[in-house]
Amino acid sequence: MNCLVLYIHGINVDKPGYSDPLHKNLTSYLWHKGFWNHLVQAEVFWGDTFSPAAAHLLDLMRARKLGWQSVRRFSLDTVAQALGYEDAPGIGAYERVHERMAAALHMGAQRSGKRTKVVVVAHSLGSIVASNYVWDVQHHKGIFKRHTWDEAQTLEHLRGIITMGSPLALYNSRFSGFGTPIKAGSKDIPWWNVIEHADPLAWPLKGLNDTYDAEVGQDVIIRPPWWSLTKRTPLIHGGYWTSKRVAATIGDMILKVTRPKESK
């Protein structure tokens, strides 16, 4: 059975190709597990959607010679992109980002086969993009109120969700009781939430409320080795793309959905 892995980036991504290190580690892990199935990589790149405004703010920062520029860039991407994405649905960035996701799914299905199993891997703000996209599919909202979308774009064959470094709990704290999540576990779709122990933007999803407990399979907390100083600081938020342990977690998900008997 073929498998399409759809990657969705979050903050601090300037160009396509961001998922290559993770996909390389994933392919290697699956190869050592005897996975000979056809594994197809697809990327959603939306970072350029907000680049003009972000570039202007960065120019102002440099012109004023402000300190902690790397931290300021981190905060810019975190706040500005989140606010920019959540503009008025129907005409702005929200729909443009989701249209790019739909296009990536369509192109990925062309290479892997229309009925291929799909696993979504979403990082940081990308996990909110993924959640909103799936929500809109399931409730016929957003871009899905218009036009005709194929079965790849409507995720008819979605079989797994990985969120990593996800601020989804923070995002949903604006709702009473954290609101209602997308349907995953209730549709037999495993949803694993990967958290690097020192990542300040990654929050657990299990325990938010009873519905999250039912829909989210598990929070996978990755603790770094004691000698790795970088992985023990907030800088680890960008490290999911190069982590072999994260790749192994995704690989275990793929084995679970493609070879359920062997993965038990």
C-alpha atoms as a PDB file:
ATOM      1  CA  MET A   1       0.000   0.000   0.000  1.00  0.00           C
ATOM      2  CA  ASN A   2       1.399   3.403  -1.017  1.00  0.00           C
ATOM      3  CA  CYS A   3       1.633   6.166   1.565  1.00  0.00           C
ATOM      4  CA  LEU A   4       1.621   9.914   1.006  1.00  0.00           C
ATOM      5  CA  VAL A   5       3.234  12.001   3.759  1.00  0.00           C
ATOM      6  CA  LEU A   6       2.059  15.607   3.684  1.00  0.00           C
ATOM      7  CA  TYR A   7       4.328  18.034   5.537  1.00  0.00           C
ATOM      8  CA  ILE A   8       3.115  21.428   6.746  1.00  0.00           C
ATOM      9  CA  HIS A   9       5.644  23.861   8.168  1.00  0.00           C
ATOM     10  CA  GLY A  10       5.259  26.423  10.915  1.00  0.00           C
ATOM     11  CA  ILE A  11       7.403  29.433  11.787  1.00  0.00           C
ATOM     12  CA  ASN A  12      10.935  30.253  10.625  1.00  0.00           C
ATOM     13  CA  VAL A  13      10.618  28.600   7.199  1.00  0.00           C
ATOM     14  CA  ASP A  14      11.623  30.755   4.225  1.00  0.00           C
ATOM     15  CA  LYS A  15      11.587  28.347   1.292  1.00  0.00           C
ATOM     16  CA  PRO A  16      10.477  24.891   0.143  1.00  0.00           C
ATOM     17  CA  GLY A  17      12.602  21.866   0.942  1.00  0.00           C
ATOM     18  CA  TYR A  18      12.257  22.282   4.706  1.00  0.00           C
ATOM     19  CA  SER A  19      11.019  18.707   5.173  1.00  0.00           C
ATOM     20  CA  ASP A  20      13.890  17.019   3.289  1.00  0.00           C
ATOM     21  CA  PRO A  21      16.008  16.154   6.398  1.00  0.00           C
ATOM     22  CA  LEU A  22      13.015  14.673   8.217  1.00  0.00           C
ATOM     23  CA  HIS A  23      11.851  12.719   5.180  1.00  0.00           C
ATOM     24  CA  LYS A  24      15.365  11.358   4.646  1.00  0.00           C
ATOM     25  CA  ASN A  25      15.508  10.148   8.268  1.00  0.00           C
ATOM     26  CA  LEU A  26      11.991   8.744   7.951  1.00  0.00           C
ATOM     27  CA  THR A  27      12.844   6.821   4.785  1.00  0.00           C
ATOM     28  CA  SER A  28      15.966   5.395   6.427  1.00  0.00           C
ATOM     29  CA  TYR A  29      14.028   4.327   9.525  1.00  0.00           C
ATOM     30  CA  LEU A  30      11.330   2.600   7.481  1.00  0.00           C
ATOM     31  CA  TRP A  31      13.915   0.905   5.255  1.00  0.00           C
ATOM     32  CA  HIS A  32      15.540  -0.656   8.330  1.00  0.00           C
ATOM     33  CA  LYS A  33      12.066  -1.805   9.400  1.00  0.00           C
ATOM     34  CA  GLY A  34      11.583  -3.609   6.085  1.00  0.00           C
ATOM     35  CA  PHE A  35       9.094  -1.100   4.670  1.00  0.00           C
ATOM     36  CA  TRP A  36       9.239  -1.511   0.894  1.00  0.00           C
ATOM     37  CA  ASN A  37       6.039   0.334   0.106  1.00  0.00           C
ATOM     38  CA  HIS A  38       6.032   3.421  -2.074  1.00  0.00           C
ATOM     39  CA  LEU A  39       6.484   6.466   0.192  1.00  0.00           C
ATOM     40  CA  VAL A  40       5.696   9.833  -1.406  1.00  0.00           C
ATOM     41  CA  GLN A  41       6.656  13.205   0.042  1.00  0.00           C
ATOM     42  CA  ALA A  42       4.498  16.306  -0.433  1.00  0.00           C
ATOM     43  CA  GLU A  43       5.098  19.751   1.057  1.00  0.00           C
ATOM     44  CA  VAL A  44       2.827  22.664   1.806  1.00  0.00           C
ATOM     45  CA  PHE A  45       4.830  25.891   1.632  1.00  0.00           C
ATOM     46  CA  TRP A  46       3.002  29.021   2.739  1.00  0.00           C
ATOM     47  CA  GLY A  47       5.781  31.051   4.385  1.00  0.00           C
ATOM     48  CA  ASP A  48       5.899  33.629   1.600  1.00  0.00           C
ATOM     49  CA  THR A  49       2.258  34.578   2.202  1.00  0.00           C
ATOM     50  CA  PHE A  50       3.245  37.066   4.901  1.00  0.00           C
ATOM     51  CA  SER A  51       6.789  37.917   3.763  1.00  0.00           C
ATOM     52  CA  PRO A  52       6.296  41.593   2.719  1.00  0.00           C
ATOM     53  CA  ALA A  53       5.028  42.723   6.125  1.00  0.00           C
ATOM     54  CA  ALA A  54       7.521  40.547   7.992  1.00  0.00           C
ATOM     55  CA  ALA A  55      10.422  41.830   5.892  1.00  0.00           C
ATOM     56  CA  HIS A  56       9.478  45.430   6.704  1.00  0.00           C
ATOM     57  CA  LEU A  57       9.456  44.703  10.445  1.00  0.00           C
ATOM     58  CA  LEU A  58      12.850  43.000  10.188  1.00  0.00           C
ATOM     59  CA  ASP A  59      14.254  46.024   8.343  1.00  0.00           C
ATOM     60  CA  LEU A  60      13.015  48.304  11.132  1.00  0.00           C
ATOM     61  CA  MET A  61      14.642  46.073  13.728  1.00  0.00           C
ATOM     62  CA  ARG A  62      17.991  46.154  11.952  1.00  0.00           C
ATOM     63  CA  ALA A  63      17.809  49.899  11.319  1.00  0.00           C
ATOM     64  CA  ARG A  64      17.285  50.556  15.031  1.00  0.00           C
ATOM     65  CA  LYS A  65      20.061  48.069  15.868  1.00  0.00           C
ATOM     66  CA  LEU A  66      17.888  46.354  18.451  1.00  0.00           C
ATOM     67  CA  GLY A  67      19.247  43.513  20.543  1.00  0.00           C
ATOM     68  CA  TRP A  68      18.345  39.831  20.587  1.00  0.00           C
ATOM     69  CA  GLN A  69      17.529  39.864  16.890  1.00  0.00           C
ATOM     70  CA  SER A  70      17.184  36.091  16.630  1.00  0.00           C
ATOM     71  CA  VAL A  71      14.665  36.079  19.489  1.00  0.00           C
ATOM     72  CA  ARG A  72      12.800  39.008  17.910  1.00  0.00           C
ATOM     73  CA  ARG A  73      12.640  37.092  14.617  1.00  0.00           C
ATOM     74  CA  PHE A  74      11.211  34.124  16.510  1.00  0.00           C
ATOM     75  CA  SER A  75       8.532  36.308  18.134  1.00  0.00           C
ATOM     76  CA  LEU A  76       7.764  37.978  14.784  1.00  0.00           C
ATOM     77  CA  ASP A  77       7.152  34.670  13.089  1.00  0.00           C
ATOM     78  CA  THR A  78       5.142  33.353  16.029  1.00  0.00           C
ATOM     79  CA  VAL A  79       2.803  36.324  16.420  1.00  0.00           C
ATOM     80  CA  ALA A  80       2.678  37.966  12.987  1.00  0.00           C
ATOM     81  CA  GLN A  81       2.177  34.751  11.040  1.00  0.00           C
ATOM     82  CA  ALA A  82      -0.481  33.492  13.427  1.00  0.00           C
ATOM     83  CA  LEU A  83      -2.391  36.771  13.189  1.00  0.00           C
ATOM     84  CA  GLY A  84      -1.862  36.983   9.433  1.00  0.00           C
ATOM     85  CA  TYR A  85      -3.151  33.474   8.881  1.00  0.00           C
ATOM     86  CA  GLU A  86      -6.251  34.079  10.977  1.00  0.00           C
ATOM     87  CA  ASP A  87      -7.574  37.007   8.924  1.00  0.00           C
ATOM     88  CA  ALA A  88     -11.083  37.077   7.519  1.00  0.00           C
ATOM     89  CA  PRO A  89     -11.803  33.623   6.059  1.00  0.00           C
ATOM     90  CA  GLY A  90     -13.113  33.787   2.532  1.00  0.00           C
ATOM     91  CA  ILE A  91     -10.790  36.322   0.965  1.00  0.00           C
ATOM     92  CA  GLY A  92      -7.448  36.407   2.749  1.00  0.00           C
ATOM     93  CA  ALA A  93      -4.489  34.368   3.896  1.00  0.00           C
ATOM     94  CA  TYR A  94      -6.622  31.725   5.608  1.00  0.00           C
ATOM     95  CA  GLU A  95      -8.061  30.528   2.317  1.00  0.00           C
ATOM     96  CA  ARG A  96      -4.833  31.049   0.351  1.00  0.00           C
ATOM     97  CA  VAL A  97      -2.967  28.783   2.767  1.00  0.00           C
ATOM     98  CA  HIS A  98      -5.692  26.138   2.587  1.00  0.00           C
ATOM     99  CA  GLU A  99      -5.719  26.311  -1.223  1.00  0.00           C
ATOM    100  CA  ARG A 100      -1.986  25.572  -1.186  1.00  0.00           C
ATOM    101  CA  MET A 101      -2.625  22.597   1.054  1.00  0.00           C
ATOM    102  CA  ALA A 102      -5.310  21.349  -1.326  1.00  0.00           C
ATOM    103  CA  ALA A 103      -2.925  21.779  -4.264  1.00  0.00           C
ATOM    104  CA  ALA A 104      -0.155  19.835  -2.488  1.00  0.00           C
ATOM    105  CA  LEU A 105      -2.565  16.988  -1.729  1.00  0.00           C
ATOM    106  CA  HIS A 106      -3.709  16.883  -5.348  1.00  0.00           C
ATOM    107  CA  MET A 107      -0.149  16.818  -6.704  1.00  0.00           C
ATOM    108  CA  GLY A 108       0.911  14.228  -4.139  1.00  0.00           C
ATOM    109  CA  ALA A 109      -1.975  11.975  -5.115  1.00  0.00           C
ATOM    110  CA  GLN A 110      -0.954  12.243  -8.767  1.00  0.00           C
ATOM    111  CA  ARG A 111       2.397  10.684  -7.860  1.00  0.00           C
ATOM    112  CA  SER A 112       1.253   8.162  -5.270  1.00  0.00           C
ATOM    113  CA  GLY A 113      -2.159   7.105  -6.540  1.00  0.00           C
ATOM    114  CA  LYS A 114      -5.629   8.445  -5.868  1.00  0.00           C
ATOM    115  CA  ARG A 115      -6.439   5.934  -3.139  1.00  0.00           C
ATOM    116  CA  THR A 116      -3.118   6.135  -1.336  1.00  0.00           C
ATOM    117  CA  LYS A 117      -3.132   6.398   2.442  1.00  0.00           C
ATOM    118  CA  VAL A 118      -2.332   9.903   3.702  1.00  0.00           C
ATOM    119  CA  VAL A 119      -0.431  10.826   6.862  1.00  0.00           C
ATOM    120  CA  VAL A 120      -0.315  14.533   7.736  1.00  0.00           C
ATOM    121  CA  VAL A 121       2.792  15.784   9.572  1.00  0.00           C
ATOM    122  CA  ALA A 122       2.353  19.369  10.789  1.00  0.00           C
ATOM    123  CA  HIS A 123       4.788  21.517  12.778  1.00  0.00           C
ATOM    124  CA  SER A 124       4.143  24.523  15.007  1.00  0.00           C
ATOM    125  CA  LEU A 125       1.637  26.920  13.407  1.00  0.00           C
ATOM    126  CA  GLY A 126       1.277  24.324  10.651  1.00  0.00           C
ATOM    127  CA  SER A 127      -0.570  22.134  13.155  1.00  0.00           C
ATOM    128  CA  ILE A 128      -3.205  24.867  13.435  1.00  0.00           C
ATOM    129  CA  VAL A 129      -3.378  25.036   9.640  1.00  0.00           C
ATOM    130  CA  ALA A 130      -3.872  21.272   9.503  1.00  0.00           C
ATOM    131  CA  SER A 131      -6.515  21.333  12.242  1.00  0.00           C
ATOM    132  CA  ASN A 132      -8.468  24.133  10.547  1.00  0.00           C
ATOM    133  CA  TYR A 133      -8.243  22.442   7.142  1.00  0.00           C
ATOM    134  CA  VAL A 134      -9.550  19.136   8.496  1.00  0.00           C
ATOM    135  CA  TRP A 135     -12.245  20.953  10.486  1.00  0.00           C
ATOM    136  CA  ASP A 136     -13.418  22.756   7.351  1.00  0.00           C
ATOM    137  CA  VAL A 137     -13.496  19.470   5.409  1.00  0.00           C
ATOM    138  CA  GLN A 138     -15.527  17.782   8.125  1.00  0.00           C
ATOM    139  CA  HIS A 139     -17.966  20.699   8.485  1.00  0.00           C
ATOM    140  CA  HIS A 140     -18.115  21.829   4.844  1.00  0.00           C
ATOM    141  CA  LYS A 141     -16.692  25.271   5.594  1.00  0.00           C
ATOM    142  CA  GLY A 142     -13.985  27.513   4.160  1.00  0.00           C
ATOM    143  CA  ILE A 143     -12.864  26.642   0.660  1.00  0.00           C
ATOM    144  CA  PHE A 144     -15.032  23.526   0.693  1.00  0.00           C
ATOM    145  CA  LYS A 145     -18.222  25.561   0.415  1.00  0.00           C
ATOM    146  CA  ARG A 146     -17.227  26.359  -3.155  1.00  0.00           C
ATOM    147  CA  HIS A 147     -15.989  24.499  -6.219  1.00  0.00           C
ATOM    148  CA  THR A 148     -15.441  20.774  -6.626  1.00  0.00           C
ATOM    149  CA  TRP A 149     -12.601  19.116  -4.747  1.00  0.00           C
ATOM    150  CA  ASP A 150     -11.217  15.656  -5.415  1.00  0.00           C
ATOM    151  CA  GLU A 151     -10.990  12.896  -2.818  1.00  0.00           C
ATOM    152  CA  ALA A 152      -7.307  13.595  -2.139  1.00  0.00           C
ATOM    153  CA  GLN A 153      -8.057  17.233  -1.317  1.00  0.00           C
ATOM    154  CA  THR A 154     -10.950  16.311   0.959  1.00  0.00           C
ATOM    155  CA  LEU A 155      -8.727  13.777   2.764  1.00  0.00           C
ATOM    156  CA  GLU A 156     -10.962  10.811   2.053  1.00  0.00           C
ATOM    157  CA  HIS A 157      -7.964   8.568   2.709  1.00  0.00           C
ATOM    158  CA  LEU A 158      -6.510  10.335   5.746  1.00  0.00           C
ATOM    159  CA  ARG A 159      -5.097   7.609   7.972  1.00  0.00           C
ATOM    160  CA  GLY A 160      -2.843   9.418  10.451  1.00  0.00           C
ATOM    161  CA  ILE A 161      -2.035  12.822  11.951  1.00  0.00           C
ATOM    162  CA  ILE A 162       1.217  13.890  13.573  1.00  0.00           C
ATOM    163  CA  THR A 163       1.357  17.318  15.206  1.00  0.00           C
ATOM    164  CA  MET A 164       4.759  18.363  16.501  1.00  0.00           C
ATOM    165  CA  GLY A 165       5.821  21.439  18.413  1.00  0.00           C
ATOM    166  CA  SER A 166       2.151  22.345  18.407  1.00  0.00           C
ATOM    167  CA  PRO A 167       0.665  25.451  20.080  1.00  0.00           C
ATOM    168  CA  LEU A 168      -2.840  24.180  19.342  1.00  0.00           C
ATOM    169  CA  ALA A 169      -3.717  24.082  23.050  1.00  0.00           C
ATOM    170  CA  LEU A 170      -2.706  27.757  23.406  1.00  0.00           C
ATOM    171  CA  TYR A 171      -4.653  28.638  20.282  1.00  0.00           C
ATOM    172  CA  ASN A 172      -7.784  26.893  21.544  1.00  0.00           C
ATOM    173  CA  SER A 173      -7.524  28.340  25.062  1.00  0.00           C
ATOM    174  CA  ARG A 174      -9.604  31.254  23.740  1.00  0.00           C
ATOM    175  CA  PHE A 175     -12.597  28.906  23.625  1.00  0.00           C
ATOM    176  CA  SER A 176     -14.550  27.846  26.691  1.00  0.00           C
ATOM    177  CA  GLY A 177     -13.160  24.522  27.840  1.00  0.00           C
ATOM    178  CA  PHE A 178     -10.714  24.526  24.869  1.00  0.00           C
ATOM    179  CA  GLY A 179     -13.479  23.948  22.338  1.00  0.00           C
ATOM    180  CA  THR A 180     -13.989  20.891  20.161  1.00  0.00           C
ATOM    181  CA  PRO A 181     -11.167  19.244  18.203  1.00  0.00           C
ATOM    182  CA  ILE A 182     -11.296  17.678  14.767  1.00  0.00           C
ATOM    183  CA  LYS A 183     -12.584  14.118  14.515  1.00  0.00           C
ATOM    184  CA  ALA A 184      -9.688  11.704  14.478  1.00  0.00           C
ATOM    185  CA  GLY A 185      -9.833   8.915  17.049  1.00  0.00           C
ATOM    186  CA  SER A 186     -13.597   8.642  16.597  1.00  0.00           C
ATOM    187  CA  LYS A 187     -12.909   7.904  12.918  1.00  0.00           C
ATOM    188  CA  ASP A 188     -10.148   5.378  13.717  1.00  0.00           C
ATOM    189  CA  ILE A 189      -7.498   7.886  12.607  1.00  0.00           C
ATOM    190  CA  PRO A 190      -4.561   7.893  15.046  1.00  0.00           C
ATOM    191  CA  TRP A 191      -3.432  11.378  16.133  1.00  0.00           C
ATOM    192  CA  TRP A 192      -0.091  11.660  17.900  1.00  0.00           C
ATOM    193  CA  ASN A 193       1.108  14.954  19.351  1.00  0.00           C
ATOM    194  CA  VAL A 194       4.931  15.071  19.511  1.00  0.00           C
ATOM    195  CA  ILE A 195       6.520  17.355  22.105  1.00  0.00           C
ATOM    196  CA  GLU A 196      10.219  18.045  22.560  1.00  0.00           C
ATOM    197  CA  HIS A 197      10.624  18.386  26.322  1.00  0.00           C
ATOM    198  CA  ALA A 198      12.208  21.887  26.224  1.00  0.00           C
ATOM    199  CA  ASP A 199      10.016  23.344  23.458  1.00  0.00           C
ATOM    200  CA  PRO A 200       8.110  26.335  24.922  1.00  0.00           C
ATOM    201  CA  LEU A 201       5.532  26.400  22.113  1.00  0.00           C
ATOM    202  CA  ALA A 202       4.611  22.718  22.318  1.00  0.00           C
ATOM    203  CA  TRP A 203       1.738  21.852  24.623  1.00  0.00           C
ATOM    204  CA  PRO A 204      -0.056  18.600  25.494  1.00  0.00           C
ATOM    205  CA  LEU A 205      -3.464  17.891  23.977  1.00  0.00           C
ATOM    206  CA  LYS A 206      -4.477  14.950  26.137  1.00  0.00           C
ATOM    207  CA  GLY A 207      -6.267  16.206  29.211  1.00  0.00           C
ATOM    208  CA  LEU A 208      -7.638  19.435  27.721  1.00  0.00           C
ATOM    209  CA  ASN A 209     -11.167  18.027  27.857  1.00  0.00           C
ATOM    210  CA  ASP A 210     -13.006  14.748  27.342  1.00  0.00           C
ATOM    211  CA  THR A 211     -13.353  15.256  23.596  1.00  0.00           C
ATOM    212  CA  TYR A 212      -9.632  15.848  23.106  1.00  0.00           C
ATOM    213  CA  ASP A 213      -8.981  12.736  25.182  1.00  0.00           C
ATOM    214  CA  ALA A 214     -11.166  10.760  22.778  1.00  0.00           C
ATOM    215  CA  GLU A 215      -9.770  12.222  19.544  1.00  0.00           C
ATOM    216  CA  VAL A 216      -6.030  12.442  20.357  1.00  0.00           C
ATOM    217  CA  GLY A 217      -4.274   9.123  20.669  1.00  0.00           C
ATOM    218  CA  GLN A 218      -1.265  10.218  22.699  1.00  0.00           C
ATOM    219  CA  ASP A 219       1.162  12.975  23.578  1.00  0.00           C
ATOM    220  CA  VAL A 220       4.627  11.696  22.688  1.00  0.00           C
ATOM    221  CA  ILE A 221       7.140  13.541  24.877  1.00  0.00           C
ATOM    222  CA  ILE A 222      10.735  13.312  23.669  1.00  0.00           C
ATOM    223  CA  ARG A 223      13.337  13.960  26.339  1.00  0.00           C
ATOM    224  CA  PRO A 224      16.820  14.906  25.114  1.00  0.00           C
ATOM    225  CA  PRO A 225      20.019  13.178  26.228  1.00  0.00           C
ATOM    226  CA  TRP A 226      21.728  14.998  29.081  1.00  0.00           C
ATOM    227  CA  TRP A 227      24.778  15.903  26.968  1.00  0.00           C
ATOM    228  CA  SER A 228      22.814  17.692  24.216  1.00  0.00           C
ATOM    229  CA  LEU A 229      22.698  21.333  25.348  1.00  0.00           C
ATOM    230  CA  THR A 230      20.921  22.626  22.221  1.00  0.00           C
ATOM    231  CA  LYS A 231      18.091  20.160  22.647  1.00  0.00           C
ATOM    232  CA  ARG A 232      17.661  21.276  26.246  1.00  0.00           C
ATOM    233  CA  THR A 233      16.838  24.891  25.284  1.00  0.00           C
ATOM    234  CA  PRO A 234      13.885  26.610  23.533  1.00  0.00           C
ATOM    235  CA  LEU A 235      15.919  26.500  20.297  1.00  0.00           C
ATOM    236  CA  ILE A 236      14.690  22.930  19.942  1.00  0.00           C
ATOM    237  CA  HIS A 237      11.400  24.248  18.508  1.00  0.00           C
ATOM    238  CA  GLY A 238      12.969  24.175  15.051  1.00  0.00           C
ATOM    239  CA  GLY A 239      14.697  20.845  15.609  1.00  0.00           C
ATOM    240  CA  TYR A 240      11.832  18.514  14.757  1.00  0.00           C
ATOM    241  CA  TRP A 241      12.830  18.591  11.087  1.00  0.00           C
ATOM    242  CA  THR A 242      16.244  17.045  11.803  1.00  0.00           C
ATOM    243  CA  SER A 243      15.413  14.756  14.739  1.00  0.00           C
ATOM    244  CA  LYS A 244      15.838  11.034  14.128  1.00  0.00           C
ATOM    245  CA  ARG A 245      13.635  10.293  17.144  1.00  0.00           C
ATOM    246  CA  VAL A 246      10.822  12.341  15.624  1.00  0.00           C
ATOM    247  CA  ALA A 247      11.339  10.507  12.315  1.00  0.00           C
ATOM    248  CA  ALA A 248      11.101   7.184  14.168  1.00  0.00           C
ATOM    249  CA  THR A 249       7.810   8.270  15.759  1.00  0.00           C
ATOM    250  CA  ILE A 250       6.378   9.166  12.348  1.00  0.00           C
ATOM    251  CA  GLY A 251       7.707   5.882  10.979  1.00  0.00           C
ATOM    252  CA  ASP A 252       5.904   3.953  13.706  1.00  0.00           C
ATOM    253  CA  MET A 253       2.703   5.789  12.765  1.00  0.00           C
ATOM    254  CA  ILE A 254       3.123   4.828   9.099  1.00  0.00           C
ATOM    255  CA  LEU A 255       3.747   1.190  10.022  1.00  0.00           C
ATOM    256  CA  LYS A 256       0.645   1.269  12.220  1.00  0.00           C
ATOM    257  CA  VAL A 257      -1.615   2.486   9.425  1.00  0.00           C
ATOM    258  CA  THR A 258      -0.098   0.452   6.582  1.00  0.00           C
ATOM    259  CA  ARG A 259       0.734  -2.769   8.429  1.00  0.00           C
ATOM    260  CA  PRO A 260      -1.587  -2.866  11.460  1.00  0.00           C
ATOM    261  CA  LYS A 261      -1.040  -6.564  12.205  1.00  0.00           C
ATOM    262  CA  GLU A 262       2.770  -6.280  12.195  1.00  0.00           C
ATOM    263  CA  SER A 263       2.862  -3.095  14.289  1.00  0.00           C
ATOM    264  CA  LYS A 264       0.852  -4.527  17.195  1.00  0.00           C
END
